Amino acid sequence: MTALLDIIDIDTAYGQSQVLSEVCLQIQAGCAHALLGRNGMGKTTLVRSVMGLTPPRRGEIRFLGQRIDGLSTSEIARLGIAVVPEGRQIFPNLSVRENLTAFAATRSGAGHWTLDRVLAMFPRLAERAANMGNQLSGGEQQMLAIGRALMTNPRLLILDEATEGLAPLVRAEIWRSLALLRETGLSILVIDKYVERLIELVDRHTILERGRVAWEGDSGALAQDRALWHRYLGV
């Protein structure tokens, strides 16, 4: 079966500094996958490689069987990949409603996510629909960033540090929304440090160590091998 996203032996570098070496990762349609590793191990660089922001120097990246390394970021996005970036990057001078509707698209062909559906998933955004982006709390901005990505109706949703810096109650709300998204069958790649929550949420995990794949397996295997947590994640 052809993988939805297939990353094949990629090397990625910034100038003379190589960050990723021979990285392979597959995500099947309808699956949730976690990308794990300590800070500086290459997780965000891998996302940048997928999106064409830092193209790999070697290897291939395929999406829906089509080779996408070498395409522009906008071309890759139009194929159906949406990213919730680290730092959220919402538009501060647009309202919640405007932030969402500005990204409305039907890239998956289904038109599944609408403004009303996103606001139903995040009631706090519905309450603040007229507020500007810079008037939201950090947690509300993260909800808005996720909602904005959903408005593109992606085939694959990538979340980079989805709960970083959020209060526990807000983190719980984000985890709840990701669990609901998984139930819809949306394919997800999530980067986060809360391993126990990820084990409950995703199907498979890939651990990066110094830009290489150090381990890959399912949630059951990761849950049973706490030594992996200490060795590669510092947990």
Protein backbone atom coordinates (compact mmCIF):
# COMPACT_ATOMS: atom_id res chain seq x y z
CA MET A 1 0.00 0.00 0.00
CA THR A 2 1.35 3.43 -0.97
CA ALA A 3 2.05 5.63 2.05
CA LEU A 4 0.35 9.00 2.31
CA LEU A 5 3.72 10.59 3.16
CA ASP A 6 6.93 8.73 2.36
CA ILE A 7 10.27 10.25 3.37
CA ILE A 8 13.10 8.24 1.84
CA ASP A 9 16.73 8.56 2.99
CA ILE A 10 16.84 12.34 3.10
CA ASP A 11 19.83 14.49 4.05
CA THR A 12 19.15 18.14 4.91
CA ALA A 13 21.67 20.83 5.78
CA TYR A 14 21.91 24.53 6.56
CA GLY A 15 24.96 25.66 4.64
CA GLN A 16 27.82 23.37 5.67
CA SER A 17 25.98 22.14 8.77
CA GLN A 18 24.20 18.85 8.10
CA VAL A 19 21.13 18.37 10.29
CA LEU A 20 19.38 15.28 8.89
CA SER A 21 21.10 12.14 7.65
CA GLU A 22 19.43 9.19 5.90
CA VAL A 23 16.06 9.88 7.53
CA CYS A 24 13.16 7.63 6.55
CA LEU A 25 9.57 7.99 7.77
CA GLN A 26 6.23 6.75 6.47
CA ILE A 27 2.73 7.87 7.41
CA GLN A 28 -0.22 5.84 6.20
CA ALA A 29 -3.54 7.45 5.37
CA GLY A 30 -5.76 7.76 8.43
CA CYS A 31 -2.90 7.24 10.90
CA ALA A 32 -1.46 9.48 13.59
CA HIS A 33 2.35 9.55 13.94
CA ALA A 34 4.55 11.23 16.55
CA LEU A 35 8.02 12.64 15.86
CA LEU A 36 10.05 12.63 19.07
CA GLY A 37 13.50 13.70 20.23
CA ARG A 38 15.28 16.21 22.40
CA ASN A 39 15.64 19.82 21.30
CA GLY A 40 18.01 20.29 18.40
CA MET A 41 17.71 16.74 17.06
CA GLY A 42 16.21 17.81 13.71
CA LYS A 43 12.44 17.53 14.20
CA THR A 44 11.53 21.00 12.93
CA THR A 45 14.08 20.68 10.12
CA LEU A 46 12.26 17.54 8.99
CA VAL A 47 8.99 19.48 8.83
CA ARG A 48 10.74 22.26 6.90
CA SER A 49 12.08 19.66 4.46
CA VAL A 50 8.60 18.24 3.90
CA MET A 51 7.19 21.71 3.23
CA GLY A 52 9.97 22.77 0.86
CA LEU A 53 11.34 25.45 3.18
CA THR A 54 14.68 23.66 3.58
CA PRO A 55 14.75 21.15 0.73
CA PRO A 56 16.74 17.95 1.26
CA ARG A 57 20.05 17.65 -0.53
CA ARG A 58 19.61 13.93 -1.04
CA GLY A 59 16.76 11.45 -0.97
CA GLU A 60 13.08 11.77 -1.85
CA ILE A 61 9.85 12.95 -0.27
CA ARG A 62 6.62 11.61 -1.75
CA PHE A 63 3.05 12.59 -0.95
CA LEU A 64 0.18 10.52 -2.35
CA GLY A 65 2.82 8.78 -4.47
CA GLN A 66 3.96 12.06 -6.05
CA ARG A 67 7.49 13.31 -5.50
CA ILE A 68 7.27 16.72 -3.78
CA ASP A 69 10.88 17.55 -2.93
CA GLY A 70 11.67 20.33 -5.35
CA LEU A 71 8.14 21.80 -5.29
CA SER A 72 7.48 25.19 -3.74
CA THR A 73 5.87 25.49 -0.31
CA SER A 74 2.63 26.78 -1.82
CA GLU A 75 2.49 23.88 -4.29
CA ILE A 76 3.01 21.38 -1.46
CA ALA A 77 0.30 23.04 0.63
CA ARG A 78 -2.15 22.87 -2.26
CA LEU A 79 -1.61 19.11 -2.47
CA GLY A 80 -3.11 18.85 1.01
CA ILE A 81 -0.46 19.30 3.74
CA ALA A 82 -1.14 21.86 6.46
CA VAL A 83 1.28 22.86 9.23
CA VAL A 84 0.56 24.32 12.65
CA PRO A 85 3.98 25.90 13.15
CA GLU A 86 5.91 26.35 16.35
CA GLY A 87 5.11 29.86 17.57
CA ARG A 88 1.57 29.80 16.03
CA GLN A 89 2.19 32.69 13.57
CA ILE A 90 -1.41 33.88 13.42
CA PHE A 91 -2.27 37.29 11.96
CA PRO A 92 -2.46 39.68 14.95
CA ASN A 93 -4.33 42.40 13.07
CA LEU A 94 -7.11 40.10 11.83
CA SER A 95 -10.06 38.88 13.85
CA VAL A 96 -10.49 35.24 14.79
CA ARG A 97 -13.14 34.88 12.10
CA GLU A 98 -10.92 36.56 9.49
CA ASN A 99 -7.91 34.41 10.43
CA LEU A 100 -10.03 31.34 9.78
CA THR A 101 -11.89 32.35 6.63
CA ALA A 102 -8.70 33.63 4.98
CA PHE A 103 -7.51 30.02 4.74
CA ALA A 104 -10.75 28.35 3.67
CA ALA A 105 -10.14 25.77 0.94
CA THR A 106 -11.25 22.30 -0.13
CA ARG A 107 -7.88 20.72 -0.85
CA SER A 108 -9.01 17.26 0.20
CA GLY A 109 -12.01 17.49 -2.09
CA ALA A 110 -14.44 16.90 0.77
CA GLY A 111 -15.03 20.38 2.15
CA HIS A 112 -15.27 18.75 5.57
CA TRP A 113 -14.00 21.61 7.76
CA THR A 114 -16.06 24.78 7.68
CA LEU A 115 -16.01 27.89 9.85
CA ASP A 116 -18.98 26.62 11.87
CA ARG A 117 -17.38 23.24 12.45
CA VAL A 118 -14.06 24.73 13.58
CA LEU A 119 -15.84 27.08 15.98
CA ALA A 120 -17.86 24.15 17.31
CA MET A 121 -14.64 22.27 18.05
CA PHE A 122 -13.16 25.29 19.84
CA PRO A 123 -15.99 27.05 21.73
CA ARG A 124 -13.55 29.59 23.13
CA LEU A 125 -12.83 30.78 19.61
CA ALA A 126 -16.54 31.05 18.91
CA GLU A 127 -16.87 33.31 21.97
CA ARG A 128 -14.04 35.51 20.70
CA ALA A 129 -14.76 35.39 16.97
CA ALA A 130 -14.68 39.20 16.69
CA ASN A 131 -11.49 39.64 18.72
CA MET A 132 -8.19 40.40 17.02
CA GLY A 133 -5.45 37.79 17.04
CA ASN A 134 -3.29 39.87 19.37
CA GLN A 135 -6.12 39.95 21.93
CA LEU A 136 -6.08 36.19 22.45
CA SER A 137 -4.27 34.22 25.11
CA GLY A 138 -1.49 31.84 24.09
CA GLY A 139 -3.83 28.87 24.32
CA GLU A 140 -6.49 30.59 22.25
CA GLN A 141 -3.88 31.48 19.63
CA GLN A 142 -2.87 27.83 19.43
CA MET A 143 -6.49 26.79 18.97
CA LEU A 144 -6.75 29.41 16.22
CA ALA A 145 -3.61 28.10 14.53
CA ILE A 146 -5.05 24.57 14.52
CA GLY A 147 -8.42 25.82 13.29
CA ARG A 148 -6.75 27.82 10.53
CA ALA A 149 -4.93 24.69 9.32
CA LEU A 150 -8.16 22.69 9.39
CA MET A 151 -9.88 25.32 7.24
CA THR A 152 -7.63 24.24 4.36
CA ASN A 153 -9.21 20.76 4.60
CA PRO A 154 -5.84 19.00 4.53
CA ARG A 155 -5.08 15.35 3.92
CA LEU A 156 -2.19 15.58 6.40
CA LEU A 157 -2.02 17.87 9.45
CA ILE A 158 1.45 18.53 10.93
CA LEU A 159 1.69 20.08 14.40
CA ASP A 160 5.06 21.36 15.59
CA GLU A 161 5.17 21.66 19.41
CA ALA A 162 1.40 21.84 19.68
CA THR A 163 1.29 22.27 23.47
CA GLU A 164 4.58 24.09 24.11
CA GLY A 165 4.30 26.76 26.83
CA LEU A 166 0.60 26.19 27.50
CA ALA A 167 -1.08 25.87 30.89
CA PRO A 168 -2.17 22.33 31.86
CA LEU A 169 -5.87 22.99 31.34
CA VAL A 170 -5.22 24.45 27.89
CA ARG A 171 -2.95 21.53 26.99
CA ALA A 172 -5.78 19.19 27.93
CA GLU A 173 -8.08 21.06 25.54
CA ILE A 174 -5.54 20.69 22.72
CA TRP A 175 -5.16 16.97 23.41
CA ARG A 176 -8.94 16.61 23.38
CA SER A 177 -9.14 18.31 19.98
CA LEU A 178 -6.38 16.10 18.54
CA ALA A 179 -8.18 12.99 19.76
CA LEU A 180 -11.34 14.18 18.02
CA LEU A 181 -9.39 14.84 14.83
CA ARG A 182 -7.98 11.35 14.93
CA GLU A 183 -11.50 9.95 15.24
CA THR A 184 -12.42 11.72 11.99
CA GLY A 185 -9.69 9.75 10.18
CA LEU A 186 -7.45 12.75 9.53
CA SER A 187 -3.78 11.81 9.12
CA ILE A 188 -1.61 13.58 11.69
CA LEU A 189 2.10 14.10 12.33
CA VAL A 190 2.67 15.66 15.75
CA ILE A 191 5.84 16.87 17.44
CA ASP A 192 5.55 17.16 21.21
CA LYS A 193 7.39 16.21 24.39
CA TYR A 194 4.52 14.72 26.41
CA VAL A 195 5.21 11.08 25.63
CA GLU A 196 2.48 9.59 27.82
CA ARG A 197 -0.21 11.65 26.08
CA LEU A 198 1.20 10.82 22.66
CA ILE A 199 1.13 7.10 23.43
CA GLU A 200 -2.61 7.43 24.06
CA LEU A 201 -3.13 9.44 20.87
CA VAL A 202 -1.00 8.14 18.02
CA ASP A 203 -0.35 4.86 16.22
CA ARG A 204 3.40 5.03 15.63
CA HIS A 205 6.43 6.98 16.83
CA THR A 206 9.75 7.96 15.28
CA ILE A 207 12.60 9.15 17.52
CA LEU A 208 15.33 11.37 16.07
CA GLU A 209 18.78 11.51 17.64
CA ARG A 210 21.33 13.89 16.12
CA GLY A 211 19.45 14.01 12.86
CA ARG A 212 19.08 10.26 12.41
CA VAL A 213 16.23 7.85 13.12
CA ALA A 214 17.19 6.18 16.39
CA TRP A 215 13.99 4.16 16.88
CA GLU A 216 10.59 3.61 15.31
CA GLY A 217 7.67 1.57 16.56
CA ASP A 218 4.10 1.55 17.76
CA SER A 219 2.67 2.95 20.96
CA GLY A 220 2.60 -0.41 22.69
CA ALA A 221 6.32 -0.94 22.16
CA LEU A 222 7.21 2.57 23.32
CA ALA A 223 5.02 2.28 26.41
CA GLN A 224 6.79 -0.91 27.46
CA ASP A 225 10.36 0.35 26.97
CA ARG A 226 10.91 3.17 29.43
CA ALA A 227 14.66 2.93 28.80
CA LEU A 228 14.02 4.51 25.40
CA TRP A 229 12.43 7.49 27.10
CA HIS A 230 15.50 8.09 29.25
CA ARG A 231 18.00 7.38 26.49
CA TYR A 232 16.54 9.58 23.75
CA LEU A 233 13.92 11.85 25.31
CA GLY A 234 15.29 12.76 28.72
CA VAL A 235 12.02 11.74 30.38
